[in-house]
N, C-alpha and C. Protein backbone atom coordinates (compact mmCIF):
# COMPACT_ATOMS: atom_id res chain seq x y z
N SER A 1 -29.05 -14.99 -45.45
CA SER A 1 -28.27 -16.00 -46.14
C SER A 1 -26.80 -15.62 -46.11
N ARG A 2 -25.95 -16.56 -46.46
CA ARG A 2 -24.51 -16.32 -46.46
C ARG A 2 -24.11 -15.25 -47.47
N ALA A 3 -24.76 -15.25 -48.59
CA ALA A 3 -24.44 -14.27 -49.64
C ALA A 3 -24.75 -12.86 -49.14
N GLN A 4 -25.90 -12.71 -48.45
CA GLN A 4 -26.27 -11.39 -47.92
C GLN A 4 -25.28 -10.95 -46.84
N GLU A 5 -24.89 -11.89 -45.95
CA GLU A 5 -23.93 -11.57 -44.90
C GLU A 5 -22.61 -11.10 -45.50
N LYS A 6 -22.18 -11.82 -46.54
CA LYS A 6 -20.92 -11.46 -47.20
C LYS A 6 -21.02 -10.08 -47.83
N GLU A 7 -22.15 -9.79 -48.44
CA GLU A 7 -22.34 -8.49 -49.08
C GLU A 7 -22.35 -7.37 -48.03
N VAL A 8 -23.00 -7.63 -46.89
CA VAL A 8 -23.05 -6.64 -45.81
C VAL A 8 -21.63 -6.36 -45.32
N ARG A 9 -20.83 -7.42 -45.09
CA ARG A 9 -19.46 -7.24 -44.62
C ARG A 9 -18.62 -6.47 -45.65
N THR A 10 -18.80 -6.78 -46.90
CA THR A 10 -18.07 -6.08 -47.97
C THR A 10 -18.46 -4.61 -47.99
N GLN A 11 -19.76 -4.34 -47.88
CA GLN A 11 -20.24 -2.95 -47.88
C GLN A 11 -19.69 -2.19 -46.66
N GLU A 12 -19.68 -2.85 -45.48
CA GLU A 12 -19.13 -2.21 -44.28
C GLU A 12 -17.65 -1.90 -44.45
N LYS A 13 -16.89 -2.83 -45.04
CA LYS A 13 -15.46 -2.60 -45.28
C LYS A 13 -15.25 -1.38 -46.17
N GLU A 14 -16.04 -1.28 -47.22
CA GLU A 14 -15.91 -0.14 -48.13
C GLU A 14 -16.27 1.17 -47.43
N LEU A 15 -17.36 1.13 -46.67
CA LEU A 15 -17.79 2.34 -45.97
C LEU A 15 -16.78 2.77 -44.91
N ARG A 16 -16.10 1.81 -44.27
CA ARG A 16 -15.14 2.14 -43.21
C ARG A 16 -13.86 2.75 -43.75
N LYS A 17 -13.67 2.72 -45.05
CA LYS A 17 -12.50 3.37 -45.65
C LYS A 17 -12.67 4.88 -45.65
N GLU A 18 -13.92 5.35 -45.56
CA GLU A 18 -14.19 6.79 -45.58
C GLU A 18 -13.90 7.39 -44.21
N PRO A 19 -13.33 8.60 -44.17
CA PRO A 19 -13.03 9.23 -42.88
C PRO A 19 -14.30 9.60 -42.12
N LEU A 20 -14.22 9.46 -40.81
CA LEU A 20 -15.33 9.82 -39.93
C LEU A 20 -14.80 10.63 -38.75
N PRO A 21 -15.65 11.43 -38.15
CA PRO A 21 -15.22 12.14 -36.93
C PRO A 21 -14.87 11.13 -35.83
N LEU A 22 -14.07 11.55 -34.91
CA LEU A 22 -13.61 10.72 -33.81
C LEU A 22 -14.80 10.10 -33.05
N GLY A 23 -14.74 8.81 -32.82
CA GLY A 23 -15.77 8.11 -32.04
C GLY A 23 -16.90 7.52 -32.86
N TRP A 24 -16.98 7.85 -34.14
CA TRP A 24 -18.06 7.34 -35.00
C TRP A 24 -17.60 6.08 -35.72
N LYS A 25 -18.56 5.17 -35.93
CA LYS A 25 -18.30 3.94 -36.67
C LYS A 25 -19.52 3.66 -37.54
N VAL A 26 -19.26 3.12 -38.71
CA VAL A 26 -20.36 2.84 -39.64
C VAL A 26 -20.70 1.35 -39.61
N TYR A 27 -21.98 1.06 -39.75
CA TYR A 27 -22.49 -0.30 -39.81
C TYR A 27 -23.51 -0.38 -40.94
N VAL A 28 -23.86 -1.59 -41.31
CA VAL A 28 -24.91 -1.79 -42.32
C VAL A 28 -26.04 -2.55 -41.65
N SER A 29 -27.25 -2.00 -41.77
CA SER A 29 -28.43 -2.63 -41.19
C SER A 29 -28.71 -3.95 -41.91
N ARG A 30 -28.86 -5.00 -41.16
CA ARG A 30 -29.12 -6.31 -41.74
C ARG A 30 -30.56 -6.40 -42.27
N SER A 31 -31.43 -5.60 -41.67
CA SER A 31 -32.83 -5.67 -42.11
C SER A 31 -33.10 -4.82 -43.36
N THR A 32 -32.43 -3.65 -43.44
CA THR A 32 -32.70 -2.76 -44.58
C THR A 32 -31.58 -2.73 -45.61
N GLY A 33 -30.36 -3.13 -45.16
CA GLY A 33 -29.22 -3.06 -46.06
C GLY A 33 -28.64 -1.65 -46.17
N ARG A 34 -29.18 -0.71 -45.40
CA ARG A 34 -28.72 0.67 -45.44
C ARG A 34 -27.62 0.89 -44.40
N PRO A 35 -26.68 1.78 -44.69
CA PRO A 35 -25.66 2.09 -43.69
C PRO A 35 -26.24 3.00 -42.60
N TYR A 36 -25.72 2.83 -41.39
CA TYR A 36 -26.05 3.75 -40.30
C TYR A 36 -24.78 3.99 -39.49
N TRP A 37 -24.76 5.10 -38.75
CA TRP A 37 -23.58 5.49 -38.02
C TRP A 37 -23.90 5.54 -36.53
N HIS A 38 -22.90 5.11 -35.74
CA HIS A 38 -23.08 5.06 -34.28
C HIS A 38 -21.87 5.70 -33.61
N HIS A 39 -22.15 6.57 -32.61
CA HIS A 39 -21.09 7.18 -31.81
C HIS A 39 -21.10 6.51 -30.44
N LYS A 40 -20.03 5.79 -30.14
CA LYS A 40 -19.96 4.97 -28.92
C LYS A 40 -20.12 5.79 -27.64
N ASP A 41 -19.37 6.91 -27.52
CA ASP A 41 -19.38 7.68 -26.27
C ASP A 41 -20.74 8.33 -25.98
N SER A 42 -21.36 8.89 -27.02
CA SER A 42 -22.65 9.56 -26.80
C SER A 42 -23.83 8.61 -27.00
N ASN A 43 -23.55 7.42 -27.55
CA ASN A 43 -24.57 6.41 -27.86
C ASN A 43 -25.59 6.91 -28.89
N GLU A 44 -25.15 7.88 -29.71
CA GLU A 44 -26.03 8.40 -30.77
C GLU A 44 -25.95 7.49 -31.98
N THR A 45 -27.07 7.18 -32.57
CA THR A 45 -27.15 6.40 -33.81
C THR A 45 -27.95 7.21 -34.82
N ARG A 46 -27.47 7.25 -36.06
CA ARG A 46 -28.17 8.04 -37.09
C ARG A 46 -28.06 7.34 -38.44
N TRP A 47 -29.01 7.70 -39.33
CA TRP A 47 -29.01 7.16 -40.69
C TRP A 47 -28.18 8.01 -41.63
N THR A 48 -27.84 9.24 -41.20
CA THR A 48 -27.05 10.13 -42.06
C THR A 48 -25.62 10.16 -41.55
N LYS A 49 -24.68 10.27 -42.49
CA LYS A 49 -23.27 10.28 -42.14
C LYS A 49 -22.94 11.57 -41.38
N PRO A 50 -22.25 11.43 -40.24
CA PRO A 50 -21.87 12.64 -39.51
C PRO A 50 -20.80 13.40 -40.29
N GLY A 51 -20.85 14.70 -40.20
CA GLY A 51 -19.87 15.53 -40.89
C GLY A 51 -18.54 15.51 -40.15
N ILE A 52 -17.51 15.94 -40.84
CA ILE A 52 -16.21 16.02 -40.19
C ILE A 52 -15.74 17.46 -40.09
N GLY A 53 -16.69 18.35 -40.14
CA GLY A 53 -16.36 19.78 -40.02
C GLY A 53 -16.09 20.15 -38.57
N PRO A 54 -15.61 21.38 -38.35
CA PRO A 54 -15.27 21.81 -36.99
C PRO A 54 -16.49 21.84 -36.07
N ASN A 55 -17.66 22.16 -36.59
CA ASN A 55 -18.86 22.20 -35.74
C ASN A 55 -19.23 20.82 -35.23
N ASP A 56 -19.07 19.80 -36.09
CA ASP A 56 -19.41 18.44 -35.67
C ASP A 56 -18.45 17.95 -34.59
N ASP A 57 -17.15 18.19 -34.78
CA ASP A 57 -16.17 17.79 -33.77
C ASP A 57 -16.40 18.54 -32.46
N ALA A 58 -16.69 19.83 -32.58
CA ALA A 58 -16.92 20.64 -31.38
C ALA A 58 -18.16 20.16 -30.66
N ASN A 59 -19.22 19.81 -31.43
CA ASN A 59 -20.46 19.33 -30.82
C ASN A 59 -20.21 18.01 -30.07
N ALA A 60 -19.47 17.09 -30.70
CA ALA A 60 -19.18 15.81 -30.06
C ALA A 60 -18.33 16.03 -28.81
N SER A 61 -17.33 16.92 -28.91
CA SER A 61 -16.48 17.21 -27.75
C SER A 61 -17.28 17.85 -26.63
N THR A 62 -18.19 18.74 -27.00
CA THR A 62 -19.03 19.40 -26.01
C THR A 62 -19.92 18.38 -25.30
N GLN A 63 -20.51 17.47 -26.06
CA GLN A 63 -21.36 16.45 -25.46
C GLN A 63 -20.55 15.56 -24.51
N LYS A 64 -19.35 15.19 -24.92
CA LYS A 64 -18.51 14.36 -24.07
C LYS A 64 -18.14 15.10 -22.79
N LEU A 65 -17.76 16.37 -22.93
CA LEU A 65 -17.40 17.19 -21.78
C LEU A 65 -18.58 17.36 -20.84
N GLU A 66 -19.76 17.61 -21.41
CA GLU A 66 -20.96 17.75 -20.57
C GLU A 66 -21.23 16.46 -19.80
N GLY A 67 -21.04 15.32 -20.44
CA GLY A 67 -21.22 14.04 -19.76
C GLY A 67 -20.24 13.86 -18.62
N LEU A 68 -18.98 14.21 -18.85
CA LEU A 68 -17.96 14.10 -17.80
C LEU A 68 -18.27 15.05 -16.64
N LEU A 69 -18.69 16.27 -16.97
CA LEU A 69 -19.03 17.23 -15.91
C LEU A 69 -20.22 16.75 -15.09
N GLN A 70 -21.21 16.18 -15.76
CA GLN A 70 -22.38 15.66 -15.05
C GLN A 70 -21.98 14.51 -14.13
N SER A 71 -21.11 13.64 -14.62
CA SER A 71 -20.64 12.52 -13.82
C SER A 71 -19.89 13.02 -12.59
N LEU A 72 -19.01 14.00 -12.78
CA LEU A 72 -18.27 14.58 -11.67
C LEU A 72 -19.21 15.26 -10.69
N ASP A 73 -20.19 16.00 -11.20
CA ASP A 73 -21.17 16.67 -10.34
C ASP A 73 -21.95 15.65 -9.52
N ASP A 74 -22.34 14.54 -10.15
CA ASP A 74 -23.06 13.49 -9.43
C ASP A 74 -22.21 12.93 -8.29
N LYS A 75 -20.92 12.71 -8.56
CA LYS A 75 -20.04 12.18 -7.52
C LYS A 75 -19.86 13.17 -6.38
N LEU A 76 -19.71 14.45 -6.71
CA LEU A 76 -19.52 15.46 -5.68
C LEU A 76 -20.75 15.67 -4.83
N ASN A 77 -21.93 15.49 -5.42
CA ASN A 77 -23.17 15.71 -4.69
C ASN A 77 -23.66 14.46 -3.96
N SER A 78 -22.98 13.34 -4.16
CA SER A 78 -23.40 12.12 -3.47
C SER A 78 -22.91 12.18 -2.03
N ASN A 79 -23.33 11.24 -1.23
CA ASN A 79 -22.93 11.20 0.18
C ASN A 79 -21.61 10.48 0.38
N SER A 80 -20.93 10.14 -0.70
CA SER A 80 -19.65 9.44 -0.57
C SER A 80 -18.59 10.42 -0.09
N PRO A 81 -17.50 9.88 0.52
CA PRO A 81 -16.45 10.77 1.01
C PRO A 81 -15.80 11.53 -0.14
N PRO A 82 -15.19 12.66 0.14
CA PRO A 82 -14.58 13.46 -0.92
C PRO A 82 -13.51 12.65 -1.66
N MET A 83 -13.39 12.93 -2.94
CA MET A 83 -12.40 12.22 -3.74
C MET A 83 -11.01 12.75 -3.39
N MET A 84 -10.05 11.85 -3.34
CA MET A 84 -8.66 12.24 -3.10
C MET A 84 -7.92 12.21 -4.42
N LEU A 85 -7.00 13.10 -4.57
CA LEU A 85 -6.15 13.03 -5.74
C LEU A 85 -5.24 11.82 -5.61
N GLU A 86 -4.81 11.29 -6.72
CA GLU A 86 -4.00 10.07 -6.73
C GLU A 86 -2.74 10.24 -5.88
N ASP A 87 -2.06 11.39 -5.99
CA ASP A 87 -0.85 11.62 -5.20
C ASP A 87 -1.15 11.63 -3.71
N GLU A 88 -2.25 12.26 -3.34
CA GLU A 88 -2.63 12.30 -1.92
C GLU A 88 -2.90 10.90 -1.40
N ARG A 89 -3.58 10.09 -2.22
CA ARG A 89 -3.89 8.72 -1.82
C ARG A 89 -2.60 7.91 -1.65
N LYS A 90 -1.64 8.10 -2.57
CA LYS A 90 -0.37 7.38 -2.47
C LYS A 90 0.40 7.81 -1.22
N LYS A 91 0.41 9.13 -0.94
CA LYS A 91 1.09 9.62 0.25
C LYS A 91 0.45 9.05 1.52
N GLU A 92 -0.87 9.03 1.55
CA GLU A 92 -1.58 8.49 2.71
C GLU A 92 -1.28 7.00 2.88
N ASP A 93 -1.28 6.25 1.79
CA ASP A 93 -0.95 4.82 1.84
C ASP A 93 0.47 4.62 2.37
N ALA A 94 1.41 5.43 1.90
CA ALA A 94 2.81 5.32 2.34
C ALA A 94 2.93 5.66 3.83
N ARG A 95 2.21 6.71 4.27
CA ARG A 95 2.24 7.08 5.68
C ARG A 95 1.69 5.97 6.56
N LEU A 96 0.56 5.38 6.15
CA LEU A 96 -0.04 4.30 6.93
C LEU A 96 0.88 3.07 6.95
N LYS A 97 1.51 2.79 5.84
CA LYS A 97 2.43 1.64 5.78
C LYS A 97 3.61 1.88 6.72
N HIS A 98 4.15 3.10 6.71
CA HIS A 98 5.28 3.45 7.58
C HIS A 98 4.87 3.31 9.06
N GLU A 99 3.69 3.83 9.40
CA GLU A 99 3.21 3.72 10.79
C GLU A 99 3.04 2.26 11.20
N ASP A 100 2.54 1.45 10.29
CA ASP A 100 2.35 0.02 10.57
C ASP A 100 3.70 -0.66 10.80
N GLU A 101 4.69 -0.33 9.97
CA GLU A 101 6.02 -0.91 10.13
C GLU A 101 6.65 -0.47 11.45
N GLN A 102 6.46 0.80 11.83
CA GLN A 102 6.98 1.28 13.11
C GLN A 102 6.33 0.54 14.28
N ARG A 103 5.01 0.38 14.19
CA ARG A 103 4.29 -0.33 15.26
C ARG A 103 4.80 -1.76 15.39
N LYS A 104 4.99 -2.43 14.26
CA LYS A 104 5.50 -3.81 14.30
C LYS A 104 6.91 -3.87 14.88
N GLN A 105 7.73 -2.89 14.51
CA GLN A 105 9.09 -2.85 15.02
C GLN A 105 9.09 -2.63 16.55
N GLU A 106 8.21 -1.74 17.03
CA GLU A 106 8.10 -1.50 18.47
C GLU A 106 7.63 -2.76 19.19
N GLU A 107 6.66 -3.46 18.61
CA GLU A 107 6.18 -4.70 19.22
C GLU A 107 7.28 -5.75 19.26
N ASP A 108 8.07 -5.84 18.19
CA ASP A 108 9.20 -6.78 18.16
C ASP A 108 10.21 -6.45 19.25
N GLU A 109 10.51 -5.15 19.42
CA GLU A 109 11.46 -4.73 20.45
C GLU A 109 10.94 -5.09 21.85
N LYS A 110 9.64 -4.89 22.08
CA LYS A 110 9.05 -5.25 23.38
C LYS A 110 9.14 -6.74 23.63
N ARG A 111 8.85 -7.55 22.57
CA ARG A 111 8.95 -9.00 22.71
C ARG A 111 10.39 -9.43 23.01
N LYS A 112 11.35 -8.82 22.31
CA LYS A 112 12.76 -9.16 22.54
C LYS A 112 13.18 -8.79 23.95
N ALA A 113 12.75 -7.62 24.43
CA ALA A 113 13.10 -7.18 25.79
C ALA A 113 12.50 -8.13 26.82
N ALA A 114 11.25 -8.55 26.60
CA ALA A 114 10.61 -9.49 27.52
C ALA A 114 11.35 -10.83 27.52
N TYR A 115 11.78 -11.28 26.35
CA TYR A 115 12.51 -12.54 26.26
C TYR A 115 13.86 -12.44 26.98
N ARG A 116 14.55 -11.29 26.74
CA ARG A 116 15.85 -11.09 27.42
C ARG A 116 15.67 -11.09 28.94
N LYS A 117 14.59 -10.46 29.41
CA LYS A 117 14.34 -10.42 30.87
C LYS A 117 14.09 -11.83 31.40
N LYS A 118 13.29 -12.62 30.67
CA LYS A 118 13.04 -13.99 31.10
C LYS A 118 14.33 -14.80 31.10
N ALA A 119 15.14 -14.62 30.10
CA ALA A 119 16.41 -15.34 30.01
C ALA A 119 17.33 -14.94 31.17
N GLU A 120 17.38 -13.64 31.48
CA GLU A 120 18.20 -13.16 32.59
C GLU A 120 17.68 -13.71 33.92
N ASP A 121 16.35 -13.70 34.10
CA ASP A 121 15.76 -14.26 35.32
C ASP A 121 16.09 -15.74 35.46
N ALA A 122 15.99 -16.48 34.36
CA ALA A 122 16.30 -17.91 34.38
C ALA A 122 17.77 -18.12 34.72
N LYS A 123 18.63 -17.28 34.15
CA LYS A 123 20.07 -17.40 34.44
C LYS A 123 20.32 -17.13 35.92
N ASN A 124 19.64 -16.09 36.46
CA ASN A 124 19.82 -15.78 37.88
C ASN A 124 19.33 -16.94 38.76
N GLU A 125 18.19 -17.54 38.37
CA GLU A 125 17.67 -18.69 39.13
C GLU A 125 18.66 -19.85 39.06
N LEU A 126 19.25 -20.07 37.90
CA LEU A 126 20.22 -21.14 37.72
C LEU A 126 21.47 -20.86 38.56
N ASP A 127 21.89 -19.58 38.58
CA ASP A 127 23.05 -19.22 39.40
C ASP A 127 22.77 -19.48 40.87
N ILE A 128 21.57 -19.12 41.32
CA ILE A 128 21.20 -19.36 42.72
C ILE A 128 21.18 -20.86 42.98
N PHE A 129 20.58 -21.62 42.05
CA PHE A 129 20.52 -23.08 42.21
C PHE A 129 21.94 -23.65 42.30
N ASN A 130 22.80 -23.19 41.40
CA ASN A 130 24.19 -23.69 41.41
C ASN A 130 24.90 -23.32 42.70
N LEU A 131 24.67 -22.11 43.20
CA LEU A 131 25.28 -21.71 44.47
C LEU A 131 24.80 -22.58 45.63
N VAL A 132 23.48 -22.82 45.64
CA VAL A 132 22.91 -23.66 46.70
C VAL A 132 23.48 -25.07 46.59
N ALA A 133 23.54 -25.58 45.37
CA ALA A 133 24.07 -26.93 45.16
C ALA A 133 25.53 -27.00 45.57
N ALA A 134 26.30 -25.99 45.22
CA ALA A 134 27.72 -25.97 45.59
C ALA A 134 27.87 -25.89 47.10
N ALA A 135 27.04 -25.07 47.72
CA ALA A 135 27.10 -24.94 49.18
C ALA A 135 26.73 -26.26 49.85
N ALA A 136 25.72 -26.92 49.28
CA ALA A 136 25.32 -28.21 49.85
C ALA A 136 26.44 -29.23 49.69
N THR A 137 27.11 -29.22 48.56
CA THR A 137 28.22 -30.15 48.33
C THR A 137 29.35 -29.85 49.30
N LYS A 138 29.67 -28.56 49.48
CA LYS A 138 30.73 -28.19 50.42
C LYS A 138 30.37 -28.60 51.84
N GLU A 139 29.08 -28.38 52.19
CA GLU A 139 28.64 -28.74 53.53
C GLU A 139 28.76 -30.23 53.73
N LYS A 140 28.40 -31.01 52.73
CA LYS A 140 28.52 -32.48 52.84
C LYS A 140 29.96 -32.88 52.95
N GLU A 141 30.84 -32.27 52.15
CA GLU A 141 32.26 -32.57 52.21
C GLU A 141 32.83 -32.23 53.62
N PHE A 142 32.37 -31.10 54.15
CA PHE A 142 32.83 -30.67 55.46
C PHE A 142 32.39 -31.68 56.53
N LYS A 143 31.14 -32.14 56.43
CA LYS A 143 30.63 -33.12 57.41
C LYS A 143 31.36 -34.44 57.27
N ASP A 144 31.67 -34.81 56.02
CA ASP A 144 32.38 -36.08 55.80
C ASP A 144 33.80 -36.00 56.34
N ASP A 145 34.39 -34.82 56.27
CA ASP A 145 35.76 -34.65 56.77
C ASP A 145 35.79 -34.60 58.30
N SER A 146 34.74 -34.24 58.92
CA SER A 146 34.77 -34.12 60.38
C SER A 146 34.44 -35.37 61.10
């Protein structure tokens, strides 16, 4: 009912004012009305409030560290390629980008050189055509004068 929901929310608000170790959150069971605590990272759920002493924090930190180490071990033992450090990956990306830009620049230079050669060849052909045309005109003028 709405009254029960409101009471559960009020109880949760009151319980959340109390300090808890890092990663723990308190909830109220809708079926029993009792508070329970849940640790998100370890996925541990319990009916008793976790302590905030040094042993509890150390235990939670140890569990988190063990999980991270296991995850890293799994990645290292898989058949995937070795992990690169972020800086190495950035350097490799920059090197590949630079090589790509150089290749494009070389291709552009080759295209420009080929275009210049075609333009020069066309100019030479035009010069030859103009010379032939001029010679033909002179020859015609010479024949007309004779």
